């Protein structure tokens, strides 16, 4: 089967950044982000471990319905699924890059 298309750097600007701006950065951006969770520092590099862990934690909050909190506009299912698809595609691309650079572990 053909290799999956590698997400481009522009994918962050078109897929993830608008979601963050609409649903997250009002509380989790700026100088004093709520809960100490600064999502305005996220970028599309899921090869970076700290960045990857923040994305996975944010996605879990969206999937579980914990964020955005009650009383704030909720993302529709299509937008939440698009964010999950973007994160999963970036995770896969980051893993493929890691394998290409480091190779597979052998016994």
Protein backbone atom coordinates (compact mmCIF):
# COMPACT_ATOMS: atom_id res chain seq x y z
CA UNK A 1 0.00 0.00 0.00
CA UNK A 2 1.19 3.55 -0.61
CA UNK A 3 2.69 5.45 2.29
CA UNK A 4 0.30 7.88 3.96
CA UNK A 5 0.67 11.47 2.88
CA UNK A 6 2.90 13.39 5.23
CA UNK A 7 1.03 16.31 6.78
CA UNK A 8 2.54 19.62 5.77
CA UNK A 9 3.48 22.51 8.01
CA UNK A 10 0.49 24.37 6.57
CA UNK A 11 -1.82 21.75 8.10
CA UNK A 12 -1.27 23.31 11.52
CA UNK A 13 -2.42 26.72 10.30
CA UNK A 14 -5.47 25.34 8.51
CA UNK A 15 -6.53 22.45 10.76
CA UNK A 16 -5.44 22.92 14.35
CA UNK A 17 -4.77 26.60 14.89
CA UNK A 18 -8.34 27.74 14.07
CA UNK A 19 -9.74 25.12 16.49
CA UNK A 20 -7.45 26.34 19.26
CA UNK A 21 -8.31 29.97 18.56
CA UNK A 22 -12.05 29.30 18.60
CA UNK A 23 -12.29 26.89 21.54
CA UNK A 24 -9.17 27.08 23.70
CA UNK A 25 -7.03 30.20 23.62
CA UNK A 26 -9.56 32.49 25.31
CA UNK A 27 -8.72 30.71 28.57
CA UNK A 28 -5.48 28.86 27.81
CA UNK A 29 -3.44 31.60 26.17
CA UNK A 30 -1.68 34.80 27.11
CA UNK A 31 0.32 35.63 30.20
CA UNK A 32 -1.90 33.86 32.76
CA UNK A 33 -3.46 30.78 31.16
CA UNK A 34 -6.07 29.03 33.29
CA UNK A 35 -4.81 25.99 35.11
CA UNK A 36 -1.28 26.80 33.96
CA UNK A 37 -2.10 25.17 30.62
CA UNK A 38 -0.71 27.39 27.84
CA UNK A 39 -2.01 26.10 24.52
CA UNK A 40 -0.84 29.17 22.63
CA UNK A 41 2.66 27.68 22.74
CA UNK A 42 1.65 24.56 20.81
CA UNK A 43 2.86 24.03 17.28
CA UNK A 44 2.56 21.26 14.72
CA UNK A 45 5.76 19.43 15.69
CA UNK A 46 4.56 16.25 17.35
CA UNK A 47 8.07 14.82 17.07
CA UNK A 48 8.91 16.95 20.12
CA UNK A 49 7.97 14.89 23.18
CA UNK A 50 6.73 17.76 25.38
CA UNK A 51 4.69 19.24 22.53
CA UNK A 52 3.24 15.80 21.69
CA UNK A 53 2.21 15.21 25.29
CA UNK A 54 0.46 18.60 25.47
CA UNK A 55 -1.42 17.85 22.23
CA UNK A 56 -2.49 14.43 23.47
CA UNK A 57 -3.66 15.88 26.80
CA UNK A 58 -5.60 18.65 25.05
CA UNK A 59 -7.20 16.19 22.64
CA UNK A 60 -8.22 13.93 25.52
CA UNK A 61 -9.90 16.89 27.24
CA UNK A 62 -11.87 17.66 24.06
CA UNK A 63 -12.80 14.02 23.45
CA UNK A 64 -13.97 13.50 27.03
CA UNK A 65 -16.07 16.66 26.94
CA UNK A 66 -14.19 18.21 29.87
CA UNK A 67 -13.08 21.09 27.65
CA UNK A 68 -14.33 23.55 26.72
CA UNK A 69 -16.05 23.77 30.09
CA UNK A 70 -19.79 24.01 30.57
CA UNK A 71 -21.11 27.39 29.56
CA UNK A 72 -18.55 27.85 26.78
CA UNK A 73 -19.32 27.14 23.12
CA UNK A 74 -18.71 23.46 22.35
CA UNK A 75 -17.02 22.32 19.18
CA UNK A 76 -19.30 20.38 16.90
CA UNK A 77 -18.52 16.71 16.33
CA UNK A 78 -17.11 17.41 12.87
CA UNK A 79 -14.58 19.97 14.20
CA UNK A 80 -13.55 17.73 17.10
CA UNK A 81 -13.11 14.77 14.71
CA UNK A 82 -11.04 16.92 12.34
CA UNK A 83 -8.75 17.90 15.22
CA UNK A 84 -8.39 14.25 16.26
CA UNK A 85 -7.62 13.26 12.66
CA UNK A 86 -4.99 16.01 12.43
CA UNK A 87 -3.31 14.97 15.70
CA UNK A 88 -3.32 11.30 14.69
CA UNK A 89 -1.86 12.09 11.26
CA UNK A 90 0.89 14.21 12.87
CA UNK A 91 1.63 11.42 15.37
CA UNK A 92 1.98 8.92 12.55
CA UNK A 93 4.20 11.25 10.54
CA UNK A 94 6.40 11.94 13.59
CA UNK A 95 6.78 8.21 14.24
CA UNK A 96 7.71 7.55 10.61
CA UNK A 97 10.30 10.33 10.76
CA UNK A 98 11.73 8.92 14.00
CA UNK A 99 12.01 5.45 12.49
CA UNK A 100 13.67 6.81 9.35
CA UNK A 101 16.27 8.68 11.43
CA UNK A 102 16.88 6.10 14.14
CA UNK A 103 15.95 2.84 12.50
CA UNK A 104 14.19 -0.03 14.18
CA UNK A 105 15.38 -1.56 17.43
CA UNK A 106 16.69 -5.08 16.95
CA UNK A 107 17.26 -7.83 19.47
